[in-house]
Amino acid sequence: MAKFNEETIQKCVNWICENGLIDYGGAKLIDFCNVMGIGKSTYYRWMENETFETAIKKAKEDFKNGLERNVVSSLARSAIGY
């Protein structure tokens, strides 16, 4: 089981930035928990920690912003015939 520390928070953030989490078509919570080696109850308990919650929310937002950039870029390429 993963220990709650700065390194674990960073691993969670990195994974969510790349894969998303629930929102915006991202990965399911169970997939995230399996990769991180934690249970859903642990995730929800960690979310009670302000540092973790803020980091996760920012990571979700970063994923969303990256997704939006990719969509806009794809639409632009399609519009000009690539």
PDB file of N, CA and C in Angstrom:
ATOM      1  N   MET A   1       0.841  -1.178   0.000  1.00  0.00           N
ATOM      2  CA  MET A   1       0.000   0.000   0.000  1.00  0.00           C
ATOM      3  C   MET A   1       0.888   1.244   0.000  1.00  0.00           C
ATOM      4  N   ALA A   2       0.480   2.225  -0.736  1.00  0.00           N
ATOM      5  CA  ALA A   2       1.238   3.468  -0.836  1.00  0.00           C
ATOM      6  C   ALA A   2       1.152   4.261   0.463  1.00  0.00           C
ATOM      7  N   LYS A   3       2.254   4.887   0.795  1.00  0.00           N
ATOM      8  CA  LYS A   3       2.275   5.761   1.970  1.00  0.00           C
ATOM      9  C   LYS A   3       1.983   7.177   1.524  1.00  0.00           C
ATOM     10  N   PHE A   4       1.291   7.904   2.369  1.00  0.00           N
ATOM     11  CA  PHE A   4       0.937   9.282   2.063  1.00  0.00           C
ATOM     12  C   PHE A   4       2.124  10.181   2.372  1.00  0.00           C
ATOM     13  N   ASN A   5       2.763  10.672   1.309  1.00  0.00           N
ATOM     14  CA  ASN A   5       3.869  11.609   1.459  1.00  0.00           C
ATOM     15  C   ASN A   5       3.974  12.438   0.178  1.00  0.00           C
ATOM     16  N   GLU A   6       4.906  13.354   0.151  1.00  0.00           N
ATOM     17  CA  GLU A   6       5.046  14.248  -1.008  1.00  0.00           C
ATOM     18  C   GLU A   6       5.327  13.467  -2.298  1.00  0.00           C
ATOM     19  N   GLU A   7       6.128  12.434  -2.209  1.00  0.00           N
ATOM     20  CA  GLU A   7       6.450  11.630  -3.383  1.00  0.00           C
ATOM     21  C   GLU A   7       5.197  10.955  -3.943  1.00  0.00           C
ATOM     22  N   THR A   8       4.376  10.422  -3.070  1.00  0.00           N
ATOM     23  CA  THR A   8       3.140   9.776  -3.496  1.00  0.00           C
ATOM     24  C   THR A   8       2.181  10.792  -4.106  1.00  0.00           C
ATOM     25  N   ILE A   9       2.078  11.955  -3.494  1.00  0.00           N
ATOM     26  CA  ILE A   9       1.220  13.008  -4.047  1.00  0.00           C
ATOM     27  C   ILE A   9       1.679  13.356  -5.457  1.00  0.00           C
ATOM     28  N   GLN A  10       2.991  13.497  -5.648  1.00  0.00           N
ATOM     29  CA  GLN A  10       3.518  13.845  -6.976  1.00  0.00           C
ATOM     30  C   GLN A  10       3.231  12.747  -7.990  1.00  0.00           C
ATOM     31  N   LYS A  11       3.350  11.476  -7.585  1.00  0.00           N
ATOM     32  CA  LYS A  11       3.034  10.367  -8.485  1.00  0.00           C
ATOM     33  C   LYS A  11       1.562  10.422  -8.892  1.00  0.00           C
ATOM     34  N   CYS A  12       0.699  10.710  -7.926  1.00  0.00           N
ATOM     35  CA  CYS A  12      -0.735  10.822  -8.208  1.00  0.00           C
ATOM     36  C   CYS A  12      -1.005  11.959  -9.180  1.00  0.00           C
ATOM     37  N   VAL A  13      -0.387  13.098  -8.924  1.00  0.00           N
ATOM     38  CA  VAL A  13      -0.566  14.270  -9.785  1.00  0.00           C
ATOM     39  C   VAL A  13      -0.087  13.963 -11.200  1.00  0.00           C
ATOM     40  N   ASN A  14       1.079  13.381 -11.337  1.00  0.00           N
ATOM     41  CA  ASN A  14       1.621  13.060 -12.661  1.00  0.00           C
ATOM     42  C   ASN A  14       0.692  12.125 -13.434  1.00  0.00           C
ATOM     43  N   TRP A  15       0.179  11.112 -12.735  1.00  0.00           N
ATOM     44  CA  TRP A  15      -0.701  10.145 -13.383  1.00  0.00           C
ATOM     45  C   TRP A  15      -1.984  10.819 -13.846  1.00  0.00           C
ATOM     46  N   ILE A  16      -2.559  11.654 -13.006  1.00  0.00           N
ATOM     47  CA  ILE A  16      -3.811  12.335 -13.346  1.00  0.00           C
ATOM     48  C   ILE A  16      -3.594  13.342 -14.468  1.00  0.00           C
ATOM     49  N   CYS A  17      -2.481  14.046 -14.465  1.00  0.00           N
ATOM     50  CA  CYS A  17      -2.186  14.986 -15.560  1.00  0.00           C
ATOM     51  C   CYS A  17      -2.148  14.259 -16.899  1.00  0.00           C
ATOM     52  N   GLU A  18      -1.673  13.034 -16.897  1.00  0.00           N
ATOM     53  CA  GLU A  18      -1.555  12.265 -18.127  1.00  0.00           C
ATOM     54  C   GLU A  18      -2.843  11.533 -18.502  1.00  0.00           C
ATOM     55  N   ASN A  19      -3.552  11.004 -17.507  1.00  0.00           N
ATOM     56  CA  ASN A  19      -4.699  10.132 -17.775  1.00  0.00           C
ATOM     57  C   ASN A  19      -6.054  10.719 -17.410  1.00  0.00           C
ATOM     58  N   GLY A  20      -6.047  11.825 -16.691  1.00  0.00           N
ATOM     59  CA  GLY A  20      -7.311  12.378 -16.211  1.00  0.00           C
ATOM     60  C   GLY A  20      -7.847  11.540 -15.062  1.00  0.00           C
ATOM     61  N   LEU A  21      -8.960  11.958 -14.534  1.00  0.00           N
ATOM     62  CA  LEU A  21      -9.589  11.194 -13.463  1.00  0.00           C
ATOM     63  C   LEU A  21     -11.059  11.569 -13.424  1.00  0.00           C
ATOM     64  N   ILE A  22     -11.878  10.664 -13.874  1.00  0.00           N
ATOM     65  CA  ILE A  22     -13.326  10.768 -13.851  1.00  0.00           C
ATOM     66  C   ILE A  22     -13.842  11.924 -14.715  1.00  0.00           C
ATOM     67  N   ASP A  23     -13.447  13.150 -14.400  1.00  0.00           N
ATOM     68  CA  ASP A  23     -13.942  14.324 -15.111  1.00  0.00           C
ATOM     69  C   ASP A  23     -13.363  14.381 -16.518  1.00  0.00           C
ATOM     70  N   TYR A  24     -14.113  14.944 -17.422  1.00  0.00           N
ATOM     71  CA  TYR A  24     -13.643  15.235 -18.777  1.00  0.00           C
ATOM     72  C   TYR A  24     -13.197  13.985 -19.531  1.00  0.00           C
ATOM     73  N   GLY A  25     -13.824  12.872 -19.278  1.00  0.00           N
ATOM     74  CA  GLY A  25     -13.493  11.660 -20.006  1.00  0.00           C
ATOM     75  C   GLY A  25     -12.223  10.977 -19.546  1.00  0.00           C
ATOM     76  N   GLY A  26     -11.769  11.314 -18.350  1.00  0.00           N
ATOM     77  CA  GLY A  26     -10.550  10.708 -17.821  1.00  0.00           C
ATOM     78  C   GLY A  26     -10.787   9.300 -17.308  1.00  0.00           C
ATOM     79  N   ALA A  27      -9.761   8.744 -16.720  1.00  0.00           N
ATOM     80  CA  ALA A  27      -9.794   7.378 -16.204  1.00  0.00           C
ATOM     81  C   ALA A  27     -10.779   7.251 -15.044  1.00  0.00           C
ATOM     82  N   LYS A  28     -11.174   6.038 -14.786  1.00  0.00           N
ATOM     83  CA  LYS A  28     -12.061   5.752 -13.659  1.00  0.00           C
ATOM     84  C   LYS A  28     -11.254   5.746 -12.368  1.00  0.00           C
ATOM     85  N   LEU A  29     -11.928   6.052 -11.285  1.00  0.00           N
ATOM     86  CA  LEU A  29     -11.269   6.089  -9.980  1.00  0.00           C
ATOM     87  C   LEU A  29     -10.648   4.736  -9.638  1.00  0.00           C
ATOM     88  N   ILE A  30     -11.320   3.660  -9.968  1.00  0.00           N
ATOM     89  CA  ILE A  30     -10.790   2.334  -9.634  1.00  0.00           C
ATOM     90  C   ILE A  30      -9.479   2.079 -10.371  1.00  0.00           C
ATOM     91  N   ASP A  31      -9.361   2.567 -11.608  1.00  0.00           N
ATOM     92  CA  ASP A  31      -8.112   2.403 -12.352  1.00  0.00           C
ATOM     93  C   ASP A  31      -6.983   3.177 -11.677  1.00  0.00           C
ATOM     94  N   PHE A  32      -7.288   4.406 -11.287  1.00  0.00           N
ATOM     95  CA  PHE A  32      -6.307   5.231 -10.570  1.00  0.00           C
ATOM     96  C   PHE A  32      -5.860   4.538  -9.285  1.00  0.00           C
ATOM     97  N   CYS A  33      -6.815   4.076  -8.514  1.00  0.00           N
ATOM     98  CA  CYS A  33      -6.500   3.423  -7.239  1.00  0.00           C
ATOM     99  C   CYS A  33      -5.652   2.171  -7.440  1.00  0.00           C
ATOM    100  N   ASN A  34      -5.967   1.391  -8.454  1.00  0.00           N
ATOM    101  CA  ASN A  34      -5.185   0.180  -8.735  1.00  0.00           C
ATOM    102  C   ASN A  34      -3.740   0.525  -9.075  1.00  0.00           C
ATOM    103  N   VAL A  35      -3.538   1.528  -9.914  1.00  0.00           N
ATOM    104  CA  VAL A  35      -2.184   1.930 -10.299  1.00  0.00           C
ATOM    105  C   VAL A  35      -1.415   2.455  -9.090  1.00  0.00           C
ATOM    106  N   MET A  36      -2.089   3.214  -8.237  1.00  0.00           N
ATOM    107  CA  MET A  36      -1.435   3.807  -7.066  1.00  0.00           C
ATOM    108  C   MET A  36      -1.310   2.827  -5.897  1.00  0.00           C
ATOM    109  N   GLY A  37      -1.980   1.691  -5.992  1.00  0.00           N
ATOM    110  CA  GLY A  37      -1.900   0.692  -4.931  1.00  0.00           C
ATOM    111  C   GLY A  37      -2.683   1.079  -3.681  1.00  0.00           C
ATOM    112  N   ILE A  38      -3.799   1.775  -3.893  1.00  0.00           N
ATOM    113  CA  ILE A  38      -4.643   2.182  -2.765  1.00  0.00           C
ATOM    114  C   ILE A  38      -6.081   1.766  -3.047  1.00  0.00           C
ATOM    115  N   GLY A  39      -6.899   1.768  -2.013  1.00  0.00           N
ATOM    116  CA  GLY A  39      -8.325   1.503  -2.169  1.00  0.00           C
ATOM    117  C   GLY A  39      -9.081   2.809  -2.300  1.00  0.00           C
ATOM    118  N   LYS A  40     -10.331   2.696  -2.720  1.00  0.00           N
ATOM    119  CA  LYS A  40     -11.162   3.891  -2.845  1.00  0.00           C
ATOM    120  C   LYS A  40     -11.296   4.617  -1.512  1.00  0.00           C
ATOM    121  N   SER A  41     -11.437   3.868  -0.441  1.00  0.00           N
ATOM    122  CA  SER A  41     -11.590   4.500   0.873  1.00  0.00           C
ATOM    123  C   SER A  41     -10.343   5.299   1.241  1.00  0.00           C
ATOM    124  N   THR A  42      -9.181   4.802   0.850  1.00  0.00           N
ATOM    125  CA  THR A  42      -7.930   5.538   1.093  1.00  0.00           C
ATOM    126  C   THR A  42      -7.917   6.811   0.277  1.00  0.00           C
ATOM    127  N   TYR A  43      -8.322   6.747  -0.981  1.00  0.00           N
ATOM    128  CA  TYR A  43      -8.387   7.932  -1.827  1.00  0.00           C
ATOM    129  C   TYR A  43      -9.285   8.988  -1.189  1.00  0.00           C
ATOM    130  N   TYR A  44     -10.459   8.593  -0.756  1.00  0.00           N
ATOM    131  CA  TYR A  44     -11.384   9.553  -0.149  1.00  0.00           C
ATOM    132  C   TYR A  44     -10.846  10.106   1.171  1.00  0.00           C
ATOM    133  N   ARG A  45     -10.144   9.266   1.919  1.00  0.00           N
ATOM    134  CA  ARG A  45      -9.529   9.743   3.166  1.00  0.00           C
ATOM    135  C   ARG A  45      -8.425  10.751   2.851  1.00  0.00           C
ATOM    136  N   TRP A  46      -7.619  10.465   1.840  1.00  0.00           N
ATOM    137  CA  TRP A  46      -6.566  11.393   1.436  1.00  0.00           C
ATOM    138  C   TRP A  46      -7.149  12.707   0.928  1.00  0.00           C
ATOM    139  N   MET A  47      -8.312  12.632   0.281  1.00  0.00           N
ATOM    140  CA  MET A  47      -8.952  13.846  -0.237  1.00  0.00           C
ATOM    141  C   MET A  47      -9.366  14.796   0.889  1.00  0.00           C
ATOM    142  N   GLU A  48      -9.421  14.304   2.101  1.00  0.00           N
ATOM    143  CA  GLU A  48      -9.721  15.160   3.246  1.00  0.00           C
ATOM    144  C   GLU A  48      -8.522  16.033   3.617  1.00  0.00           C
ATOM    145  N   ASN A  49      -7.347  15.687   3.108  1.00  0.00           N
ATOM    146  CA  ASN A  49      -6.140  16.468   3.324  1.00  0.00           C
ATOM    147  C   ASN A  49      -6.104  17.592   2.286  1.00  0.00           C
ATOM    148  N   GLU A  50      -6.015  18.818   2.751  1.00  0.00           N
ATOM    149  CA  GLU A  50      -6.092  19.979   1.865  1.00  0.00           C
ATOM    150  C   GLU A  50      -4.997  19.988   0.795  1.00  0.00           C
ATOM    151  N   THR A  51      -3.789  19.606   1.172  1.00  0.00           N
ATOM    152  CA  THR A  51      -2.682  19.577   0.216  1.00  0.00           C
ATOM    153  C   THR A  51      -2.962  18.596  -0.919  1.00  0.00           C
ATOM    154  N   PHE A  52      -3.398  17.400  -0.564  1.00  0.00           N
ATOM    155  CA  PHE A  52      -3.705  16.378  -1.563  1.00  0.00           C
ATOM    156  C   PHE A  52      -4.876  16.814  -2.433  1.00  0.00           C
ATOM    157  N   GLU A  53      -5.928  17.298  -1.799  1.00  0.00           N
ATOM    158  CA  GLU A  53      -7.115  17.717  -2.538  1.00  0.00           C
ATOM    159  C   GLU A  53      -6.779  18.817  -3.551  1.00  0.00           C
ATOM    160  N   THR A  54      -6.014  19.805  -3.128  1.00  0.00           N
ATOM    161  CA  THR A  54      -5.624  20.897  -4.012  1.00  0.00           C
ATOM    162  C   THR A  54      -4.785  20.383  -5.173  1.00  0.00           C
ATOM    163  N   ALA A  55      -3.845  19.495  -4.882  1.00  0.00           N
ATOM    164  CA  ALA A  55      -2.975  18.941  -5.933  1.00  0.00           C
ATOM    165  C   ALA A  55      -3.787  18.142  -6.950  1.00  0.00           C
ATOM    166  N   ILE A  56      -4.744  17.357  -6.480  1.00  0.00           N
ATOM    167  CA  ILE A  56      -5.566  16.542  -7.371  1.00  0.00           C
ATOM    168  C   ILE A  56      -6.463  17.430  -8.229  1.00  0.00           C
ATOM    169  N   LYS A  57      -7.061  18.440  -7.625  1.00  0.00           N
ATOM    170  CA  LYS A  57      -7.907  19.355  -8.388  1.00  0.00           C
ATOM    171  C   LYS A  57      -7.102  20.069  -9.472  1.00  0.00           C
ATOM    172  N   LYS A  58      -5.892  20.487  -9.142  1.00  0.00           N
ATOM    173  CA  LYS A  58      -5.038  21.154 -10.132  1.00  0.00           C
ATOM    174  C   LYS A  58      -4.658  20.183 -11.258  1.00  0.00           C
ATOM    175  N   ALA A  59      -4.354  18.951 -10.894  1.00  0.00           N
ATOM    176  CA  ALA A  59      -3.994  17.947 -11.900  1.00  0.00           C
ATOM    177  C   ALA A  59      -5.170  17.684 -12.843  1.00  0.00           C
ATOM    178  N   LYS A  60      -6.384  17.611 -12.300  1.00  0.00           N
ATOM    179  CA  LYS A  60      -7.571  17.432 -13.134  1.00  0.00           C
ATOM    180  C   LYS A  60      -7.742  18.614 -14.087  1.00  0.00           C
ATOM    181  N   GLU A  61      -7.518  19.805 -13.573  1.00  0.00           N
ATOM    182  CA  GLU A  61      -7.634  21.012 -14.388  1.00  0.00           C
ATOM    183  C   GLU A  61      -6.570  21.031 -15.487  1.00  0.00           C
ATOM    184  N   ASP A  62      -5.351  20.619 -15.146  1.00  0.00           N
ATOM    185  CA  ASP A  62      -4.276  20.538 -16.144  1.00  0.00           C
ATOM    186  C   ASP A  62      -4.628  19.542 -17.245  1.00  0.00           C
ATOM    187  N   PHE A  63      -5.198  18.405 -16.863  1.00  0.00           N
ATOM    188  CA  PHE A  63      -5.634  17.414 -17.845  1.00  0.00           C
ATOM    189  C   PHE A  63      -6.692  18.021 -18.759  1.00  0.00           C
ATOM    190  N   LYS A  64      -7.668  18.702 -18.167  1.00  0.00           N
ATOM    191  CA  LYS A  64      -8.742  19.337 -18.943  1.00  0.00           C
ATOM    192  C   LYS A  64      -8.168  20.357 -19.922  1.00  0.00           C
ATOM    193  N   ASN A  65      -7.260  21.190 -19.454  1.00  0.00           N
ATOM    194  CA  ASN A  65      -6.665  22.208 -20.324  1.00  0.00           C
ATOM    195  C   ASN A  65      -5.893  21.573 -21.476  1.00  0.00           C
ATOM    196  N   GLY A  66      -5.154  20.529 -21.190  1.00  0.00           N
ATOM    197  CA  GLY A  66      -4.421  19.817 -22.242  1.00  0.00           C
ATOM    198  C   GLY A  66      -5.369  19.186 -23.245  1.00  0.00           C
ATOM    199  N   LEU A  67      -6.460  18.649 -22.748  1.00  0.00           N
ATOM    200  CA  LEU A  67      -7.464  18.045 -23.607  1.00  0.00           C
ATOM    201  C   LEU A  67      -8.084  19.096 -24.516  1.00  0.00           C
ATOM    202  N   GLU A  68      -8.401  20.241 -23.952  1.00  0.00           N
ATOM    203  CA  GLU A  68      -8.974  21.333 -24.754  1.00  0.00           C
ATOM    204  C   GLU A  68      -8.002  21.794 -25.837  1.00  0.00           C
ATOM    205  N   ARG A  69      -6.719  21.921 -25.480  1.00  0.00           N
ATOM    206  CA  ARG A  69      -5.714  22.320 -26.471  1.00  0.00           C
ATOM    207  C   ARG A  69      -5.643  21.307 -27.607  1.00  0.00           C
ATOM    208  N   ASN A  70      -5.680  20.027 -27.267  1.00  0.00           N
ATOM    209  CA  ASN A  70      -5.610  18.979 -28.282  1.00  0.00           C
ATOM    210  C   ASN A  70      -6.824  19.007 -29.203  1.00  0.00           C
ATOM    211  N   VAL A  71      -7.993  19.236 -28.637  1.00  0.00           N
ATOM    212  CA  VAL A  71      -9.215  19.295 -29.439  1.00  0.00           C
ATOM    213  C   VAL A  71      -9.164  20.489 -30.390  1.00  0.00           C
ATOM    214  N   VAL A  72      -8.793  21.647 -29.873  1.00  0.00           N
ATOM    215  CA  VAL A  72      -8.714  22.837 -30.705  1.00  0.00           C
ATOM    216  C   VAL A  72      -7.691  22.636 -31.822  1.00  0.00           C
ATOM    217  N   SER A  73      -6.553  22.089 -31.475  1.00  0.00           N
ATOM    218  CA  SER A  73      -5.508  21.844 -32.462  1.00  0.00           C
ATOM    219  C   SER A  73      -5.985  20.866 -33.544  1.00  0.00           C
ATOM    220  N   SER A  74      -6.664  19.801 -33.138  1.00  0.00           N
ATOM    221  CA  SER A  74      -7.179  18.813 -34.080  1.00  0.00           C
ATOM    222  C   SER A  74      -8.223  19.431 -35.008  1.00  0.00           C
ATOM    223  N   LEU A  75      -9.092  20.245 -34.435  1.00  0.00           N
ATOM    224  CA  LEU A  75     -10.119  20.902 -35.250  1.00  0.00           C
ATOM    225  C   LEU A  75      -9.478  21.857 -36.256  1.00  0.00           C
ATOM    226  N   ALA A  76      -8.473  22.598 -35.810  1.00  0.00           N
ATOM    227  CA  ALA A  76      -7.792  23.523 -36.702  1.00  0.00           C
ATOM    228  C   ALA A  76      -7.123  22.783 -37.852  1.00  0.00           C
ATOM    229  N   ARG A  77      -6.451  21.663 -37.561  1.00  0.00           N
ATOM    230  CA  ARG A  77      -5.811  20.871 -38.614  1.00  0.00           C
ATOM    231  C   ARG A  77      -6.853  20.329 -39.591  1.00  0.00           C
ATOM    232  N   SER A  78      -7.976  19.881 -39.061  1.00  0.00           N
ATOM    233  CA  SER A  78      -9.044  19.364 -39.918  1.00  0.00           C
ATOM    234  C   SER A  78      -9.610  20.463 -40.804  1.00  0.00           C
ATOM    235  N   ALA A  79      -9.764  21.639 -40.257  1.00  0.00           N
ATOM    236  CA  ALA A  79     -10.341  22.759 -40.993  1.00  0.00           C
ATOM    237  C   ALA A  79      -9.455  23.196 -42.169  1.00  0.00           C
ATOM    238  N   ILE A  80      -8.142  23.031 -42.019  1.00  0.00           N
ATOM    239  CA  ILE A  80      -7.258  23.472 -43.105  1.00  0.00           C
ATOM    240  C   ILE A  80      -6.828  22.303 -43.988  1.00  0.00           C
ATOM    241  N   GLY A  81      -7.404  21.135 -43.747  1.00  0.00           N
ATOM    242  CA  GLY A  81      -7.221  20.021 -44.676  1.00  0.00           C
ATOM    243  C   GLY A  81      -6.125  19.035 -44.369  1.00  0.00           C
ATOM    244  N   TYR A  82      -5.597  18.987 -43.165  1.00  0.00           N
ATOM    245  CA  TYR A  82      -4.582  17.969 -42.839  1.00  0.00           C
ATOM    246  C   TYR A  82      -5.217  16.666 -42.540  1.00  0.00           C
TER     247      TYR A  82
END
